[in-house]
């Protein structure tokens, strides 16, 4: 059974990645998950300098998902290269570094630091986080700004560049094409949708930022639709994200056009969700007589 896929010239042994922001820096899960079995991990968002993140509370469970307002808390790119990356290299897991900044210069500074690190396969440009006052979604909802950021990051990067798109736009196809034309090697979509929750007894928002990011099963149908739309609009590979928790979810995204997927919120209630989905995908391919998992990509019969 050949589960391997290729994205931007990088061979993944299977299409299942752990999503940024839900799997820490990867090493924290090594006693729970066999990291070497995964297609790879995407680190939590890294910035040129450490970020403290948003005030608590930062998480709130919804009926079919989770609201979060973490705010890109991280140790900074230099500390990651020095304290986490060496262990990830020892383990032998494929690493994609998620990169964040408040400005174009911040993104480039972060990439410059990571360029010196050994063992990073690619960068995921986080142009879509809704939980910061600057950067992130500001770039991801304006095609011109997204193209500018992507183009400069691509020229500065020594590794393939994956651009993570925001779902909080009217036409995902426009944003996908803007990133592709600016030089993106691949796309990942989607990040969290905008949402909010209210404490009805206190009559106050649950979060200091009021409007925050919604993820989990509730967003899956919307995310599948956006992957399908983006797949029809661009020629570069797509990594699907949004409410994936099982092998059937993985297959659904691949049929819609994804080459690989990231499992995110499911890691909070099942830290081994990635491994379970991988086993299920192998069984699915056998049951349906597939010789290779990549046969699923874009194979929707509509």
Protein backbone atom coordinates (compact mmCIF):
# COMPACT_ATOMS: atom_id res chain seq x y z
CA UNK A 1 0.00 0.00 0.00
CA UNK A 2 1.56 3.28 -1.15
CA UNK A 3 0.31 6.10 1.04
CA UNK A 4 2.97 8.59 -0.05
CA UNK A 5 2.15 11.98 -1.56
CA UNK A 6 4.26 14.86 -2.84
CA UNK A 7 3.90 18.56 -2.05
CA UNK A 8 6.22 21.21 -3.51
CA UNK A 9 8.84 18.60 -4.28
CA UNK A 10 8.69 17.16 -0.76
CA UNK A 11 7.77 13.50 -0.37
CA UNK A 12 5.48 12.74 2.56
CA UNK A 13 5.26 9.08 3.53
CA UNK A 14 1.52 9.58 3.99
CA UNK A 15 -0.89 12.53 3.67
CA UNK A 16 -1.59 13.05 7.38
CA UNK A 17 0.04 15.96 9.18
CA UNK A 18 -0.49 17.34 12.68
CA UNK A 19 -1.82 20.90 12.41
CA UNK A 20 -0.18 24.05 13.70
CA UNK A 21 -1.37 25.29 17.07
CA UNK A 22 -2.69 21.90 18.18
CA UNK A 23 0.48 19.82 18.47
CA UNK A 24 2.83 22.25 20.28
CA UNK A 25 6.32 21.95 18.76
CA UNK A 26 5.94 18.21 18.15
CA UNK A 27 8.41 16.97 20.76
CA UNK A 28 5.78 17.30 23.49
CA UNK A 29 3.84 14.46 21.83
CA UNK A 30 6.68 11.99 21.30
CA UNK A 31 5.68 9.82 24.29
CA UNK A 32 2.07 9.64 23.09
CA UNK A 33 2.27 9.47 19.29
CA UNK A 34 4.76 7.65 17.09
CA UNK A 35 5.82 10.80 15.24
CA UNK A 36 7.86 8.84 12.70
CA UNK A 37 4.65 7.27 11.37
CA UNK A 38 3.07 10.60 10.45
CA UNK A 39 3.41 12.40 7.16
CA UNK A 40 4.82 15.23 9.26
CA UNK A 41 4.06 17.92 11.81
CA UNK A 42 3.39 21.63 11.44
CA UNK A 43 4.82 23.56 14.37
CA UNK A 44 2.79 26.04 16.38
CA UNK A 45 3.17 29.52 14.93
CA UNK A 46 6.70 30.89 15.23
CA UNK A 47 7.67 34.56 15.26
CA UNK A 48 11.03 36.32 15.13
CA UNK A 49 10.73 37.20 18.82
CA UNK A 50 8.67 35.44 21.53
CA UNK A 51 4.98 36.32 21.83
CA UNK A 52 3.13 36.10 25.16
CA UNK A 53 -0.28 35.55 23.55
CA UNK A 54 -3.71 36.71 24.62
CA UNK A 55 -5.10 36.89 28.18
CA UNK A 56 -7.03 33.93 29.52
CA UNK A 57 -9.49 32.40 29.01
CA UNK A 58 -8.15 31.18 25.68
CA UNK A 59 -10.33 28.15 24.93
CA UNK A 60 -14.06 27.53 25.05
CA UNK A 61 -15.77 24.35 23.93
CA UNK A 62 -18.79 24.70 21.64
CA UNK A 63 -21.47 22.18 20.69
CA UNK A 64 -19.45 20.93 17.72
CA UNK A 65 -16.01 22.40 18.07
CA UNK A 66 -13.88 24.89 19.92
CA UNK A 67 -13.33 28.64 20.10
CA UNK A 68 -9.77 29.76 20.71
CA UNK A 69 -7.96 33.00 21.41
CA UNK A 70 -4.41 31.83 22.08
CA UNK A 71 -2.86 34.68 20.14
CA UNK A 72 0.20 32.93 18.67
CA UNK A 73 1.99 32.44 22.00
CA UNK A 74 5.40 30.98 21.17
CA UNK A 75 9.03 30.82 22.29
CA UNK A 76 10.37 32.55 19.18
CA UNK A 77 12.17 31.16 16.14
CA UNK A 78 15.67 31.28 17.65
CA UNK A 79 14.64 29.29 20.73
CA UNK A 80 12.82 26.78 18.50
CA UNK A 81 15.92 26.23 16.37
CA UNK A 82 18.08 25.88 19.46
CA UNK A 83 15.87 23.83 21.81
CA UNK A 84 13.25 21.92 19.77
CA UNK A 85 14.54 21.36 16.25
CA UNK A 86 17.54 19.17 17.23
CA UNK A 87 15.23 16.66 18.94
CA UNK A 88 12.83 16.62 16.00
CA UNK A 89 15.77 15.80 13.74
CA UNK A 90 16.74 12.92 16.05
CA UNK A 91 13.21 11.54 15.94
CA UNK A 92 13.20 11.73 12.15
CA UNK A 93 9.84 13.45 11.64
CA UNK A 94 9.21 15.77 8.69
CA UNK A 95 8.89 19.33 10.02
CA UNK A 96 6.99 22.25 8.49
CA UNK A 97 7.54 25.50 10.38
CA UNK A 98 4.52 27.76 10.68
CA UNK A 99 5.68 31.39 10.36
CA UNK A 100 3.91 34.47 11.71
CA UNK A 101 4.56 38.21 11.86
CA UNK A 102 2.79 41.51 12.54
CA UNK A 103 4.35 43.03 9.41
CA UNK A 104 6.07 41.84 6.24
CA UNK A 105 9.42 42.62 7.88
CA UNK A 106 8.49 40.47 10.89
CA UNK A 107 7.73 37.51 8.64
CA UNK A 108 11.04 37.91 6.82
CA UNK A 109 12.97 38.22 10.08
CA UNK A 110 11.43 34.96 11.28
CA UNK A 111 12.17 33.19 8.00
CA UNK A 112 15.74 34.49 8.14
CA UNK A 113 16.24 32.84 11.54
CA UNK A 114 14.65 29.58 10.42
CA UNK A 115 16.71 29.54 7.21
CA UNK A 116 19.72 28.76 9.42
CA UNK A 117 18.03 25.78 11.08
CA UNK A 118 18.73 22.24 9.88
CA UNK A 119 15.86 19.82 9.45
CA UNK A 120 12.97 22.04 8.32
CA UNK A 121 11.28 20.80 5.15
CA UNK A 122 9.11 23.83 4.35
CA UNK A 123 7.49 26.95 5.75
CA UNK A 124 3.77 27.48 6.25
CA UNK A 125 3.09 31.19 5.97
CA UNK A 126 0.40 32.01 8.53
CA UNK A 127 -1.46 34.77 6.72
CA UNK A 128 -4.77 33.95 8.34
CA UNK A 129 -4.74 33.98 12.17
CA UNK A 130 -7.76 35.96 13.48
CA UNK A 131 -6.50 36.25 17.05
CA UNK A 132 -4.05 39.15 16.77
CA UNK A 133 -4.51 42.92 16.40
CA UNK A 134 -2.00 43.10 13.53
CA UNK A 135 -0.70 40.78 10.84
CA UNK A 136 -2.26 37.38 10.23
CA UNK A 137 -5.78 37.74 8.87
CA UNK A 138 -5.11 41.32 7.74
CA UNK A 139 -2.92 39.83 5.00
CA UNK A 140 -5.18 36.85 4.42
CA UNK A 141 -8.29 38.88 3.56
CA UNK A 142 -6.71 41.30 1.08
CA UNK A 143 -5.48 39.76 -2.18
CA UNK A 144 -3.00 42.56 -2.84
CA UNK A 145 -1.43 42.36 0.62
CA UNK A 146 -1.38 38.56 0.47
CA UNK A 147 0.44 38.65 -2.87
CA UNK A 148 2.98 41.16 -1.55
CA UNK A 149 3.70 39.08 1.56
CA UNK A 150 3.87 35.82 -0.39
CA UNK A 151 6.17 37.20 -3.06
CA UNK A 152 8.66 38.68 -0.59
CA UNK A 153 8.59 35.60 1.63
CA UNK A 154 9.15 33.31 -1.34
CA UNK A 155 12.19 35.28 -2.52
CA UNK A 156 13.65 35.31 0.99
CA UNK A 157 12.97 31.66 1.83
CA UNK A 158 15.46 28.85 1.28
CA UNK A 159 12.67 26.29 1.47
CA UNK A 160 9.31 25.64 -0.22
CA UNK A 161 6.58 28.05 0.85
CA UNK A 162 3.07 26.92 1.77
CA UNK A 163 0.56 29.75 2.28
CA UNK A 164 -2.19 29.19 4.86
CA UNK A 165 -5.40 30.90 3.77
CA UNK A 166 -8.18 32.46 5.81
CA UNK A 167 -11.77 31.26 5.31
CA UNK A 168 -13.07 34.69 6.32
CA UNK A 169 -13.29 35.96 2.75
CA UNK A 170 -16.01 36.17 0.12
CA UNK A 171 -14.13 34.31 -2.63
CA UNK A 172 -11.45 31.81 -1.58
CA UNK A 173 -10.53 31.32 -5.24
CA UNK A 174 -9.30 34.91 -5.50
CA UNK A 175 -7.00 34.48 -2.50
CA UNK A 176 -5.75 31.11 -3.75
CA UNK A 177 -4.87 32.54 -7.15
CA UNK A 178 -3.19 35.59 -5.58
CA UNK A 179 -0.92 33.34 -3.51
CA UNK A 180 -0.16 31.05 -6.46
CA UNK A 181 0.68 33.91 -8.81
CA UNK A 182 2.96 35.45 -6.17
CA UNK A 183 5.02 32.27 -5.97
CA UNK A 184 3.43 30.00 -3.37
CA UNK A 185 4.50 26.37 -3.81
CA UNK A 186 1.35 25.05 -2.10
CA UNK A 187 -1.66 26.19 -0.09
CA UNK A 188 -3.12 25.05 3.21
CA UNK A 189 -6.74 25.84 3.99
CA UNK A 190 -8.56 26.69 6.01
CA UNK A 191 -7.67 28.47 9.24
CA UNK A 192 -10.37 29.18 11.83
CA UNK A 193 -13.64 30.95 11.12
CA UNK A 194 -14.63 34.04 13.07
CA UNK A 195 -16.96 33.30 15.97
CA UNK A 196 -17.88 34.44 19.47
CA UNK A 197 -19.50 33.23 22.66
CA UNK A 198 -21.35 35.10 25.40
CA UNK A 199 -21.66 34.30 29.10
CA UNK A 200 -25.40 34.85 29.42
CA UNK A 201 -25.30 35.13 33.22
CA UNK A 202 -22.57 37.77 33.28
CA UNK A 203 -23.78 39.31 30.01
CA UNK A 204 -20.18 39.52 28.88
CA UNK A 205 -18.18 38.00 26.02
CA UNK A 206 -16.32 34.80 26.89
CA UNK A 207 -13.07 36.23 25.47
CA UNK A 208 -11.27 39.52 25.96
CA UNK A 209 -10.96 39.84 22.17
CA UNK A 210 -14.71 39.13 21.81
CA UNK A 211 -14.45 37.74 18.26
CA UNK A 212 -12.10 34.73 18.05
CA UNK A 213 -11.40 31.60 15.99
CA UNK A 214 -13.80 28.65 15.60
CA UNK A 215 -12.46 25.21 14.68
CA UNK A 216 -13.55 21.59 14.89
CA UNK A 217 -16.28 19.44 13.29
CA UNK A 218 -18.65 22.41 12.94
CA UNK A 219 -16.52 23.96 10.20
CA UNK A 220 -15.78 20.80 8.20
CA UNK A 221 -18.47 21.17 5.50
CA UNK A 222 -17.39 24.77 4.90
CA UNK A 223 -13.73 23.81 4.76
CA UNK A 224 -14.39 20.96 2.32
CA UNK A 225 -16.26 23.37 0.06
CA UNK A 226 -13.39 25.86 0.12
CA UNK A 227 -10.80 23.19 -0.67
CA UNK A 228 -12.94 22.11 -3.63
CA UNK A 229 -13.23 25.70 -4.86
CA UNK A 230 -9.52 26.39 -4.46
CA UNK A 231 -8.59 23.13 -6.17
CA UNK A 232 -10.52 24.18 -9.25
CA UNK A 233 -8.85 27.61 -9.24
CA UNK A 234 -5.14 26.74 -8.90
CA UNK A 235 -2.62 24.15 -10.06
CA UNK A 236 -0.44 24.00 -6.93
CA UNK A 237 -1.06 21.34 -4.24
CA UNK A 238 -3.52 21.94 -1.41
CA UNK A 239 -3.37 20.78 2.20
CA UNK A 240 -6.88 20.51 3.63
CA UNK A 241 -7.70 21.58 7.20
CA UNK A 242 -10.94 21.91 9.14
CA UNK A 243 -12.69 19.51 11.51
CA UNK A 244 -10.82 16.39 10.39
CA UNK A 245 -11.00 13.60 12.97
CA UNK A 246 -11.29 10.30 11.08
CA UNK A 247 -10.10 8.47 7.98
CA UNK A 248 -13.36 9.24 6.21
CA UNK A 249 -12.80 12.94 6.88
CA UNK A 250 -9.32 12.62 5.35
CA UNK A 251 -10.76 10.93 2.26
CA UNK A 252 -13.48 13.56 1.93
CA UNK A 253 -10.91 16.37 1.79
CA UNK A 254 -8.73 14.45 -0.66
CA UNK A 255 -11.65 13.79 -2.99
CA UNK A 256 -12.39 17.53 -2.89
CA UNK A 257 -8.85 18.21 -4.12
CA UNK A 258 -6.45 18.05 -1.16
CA UNK A 259 -3.13 16.28 -1.63
CA UNK A 260 -2.63 16.05 2.14
CA UNK A 261 -4.48 17.09 5.29
CA UNK A 262 -3.79 18.48 8.74
CA UNK A 263 -5.56 17.19 11.83
CA UNK A 264 -5.97 19.92 14.43
CA UNK A 265 -8.72 20.32 17.01
CA UNK A 266 -9.21 16.54 17.26
CA UNK A 267 -5.80 16.38 18.96
CA UNK A 268 -7.28 18.16 21.98
CA UNK A 269 -9.72 15.34 22.78
CA UNK A 270 -7.71 12.50 21.26
CA UNK A 271 -3.95 13.06 21.20
CA UNK A 272 -3.60 10.00 18.96
CA UNK A 273 -6.14 11.19 16.40
CA UNK A 274 -3.43 11.43 13.73
CA UNK A 275 -2.34 7.80 14.19
CA UNK A 276 -5.92 6.53 14.27
CA UNK A 277 -6.77 8.39 11.07
CA UNK A 278 -3.66 6.97 9.40
CA UNK A 279 -4.64 3.40 10.28
CA UNK A 280 -8.14 4.07 9.03
CA UNK A 281 -6.87 5.51 5.76
CA UNK A 282 -4.80 2.41 5.11
CA UNK A 283 -7.86 0.21 5.71
CA UNK A 284 -10.00 2.43 3.47
CA UNK A 285 -7.55 2.17 0.59
CA UNK A 286 -7.37 -1.62 0.90
CA UNK A 287 -11.14 -1.96 1.12
CA UNK A 288 -11.63 0.13 -2.01
CA UNK A 289 -8.86 -1.53 -4.00
CA UNK A 290 -6.61 1.53 -4.25
CA UNK A 291 -2.93 0.99 -4.95
CA UNK A 292 -1.99 4.50 -3.83
CA UNK A 293 -3.66 7.06 -1.58
CA UNK A 294 -2.85 9.84 -4.06
CA UNK A 295 -5.46 8.35 -6.41
CA UNK A 296 -8.04 9.99 -4.15
CA UNK A 297 -6.94 13.58 -4.77
CA UNK A 298 -9.50 15.41 -6.86
CA UNK A 299 -11.33 12.19 -7.69
CA UNK A 300 -14.76 13.54 -6.77
CA UNK A 301 -17.39 12.36 -9.21
CA UNK A 302 -19.66 15.39 -9.42
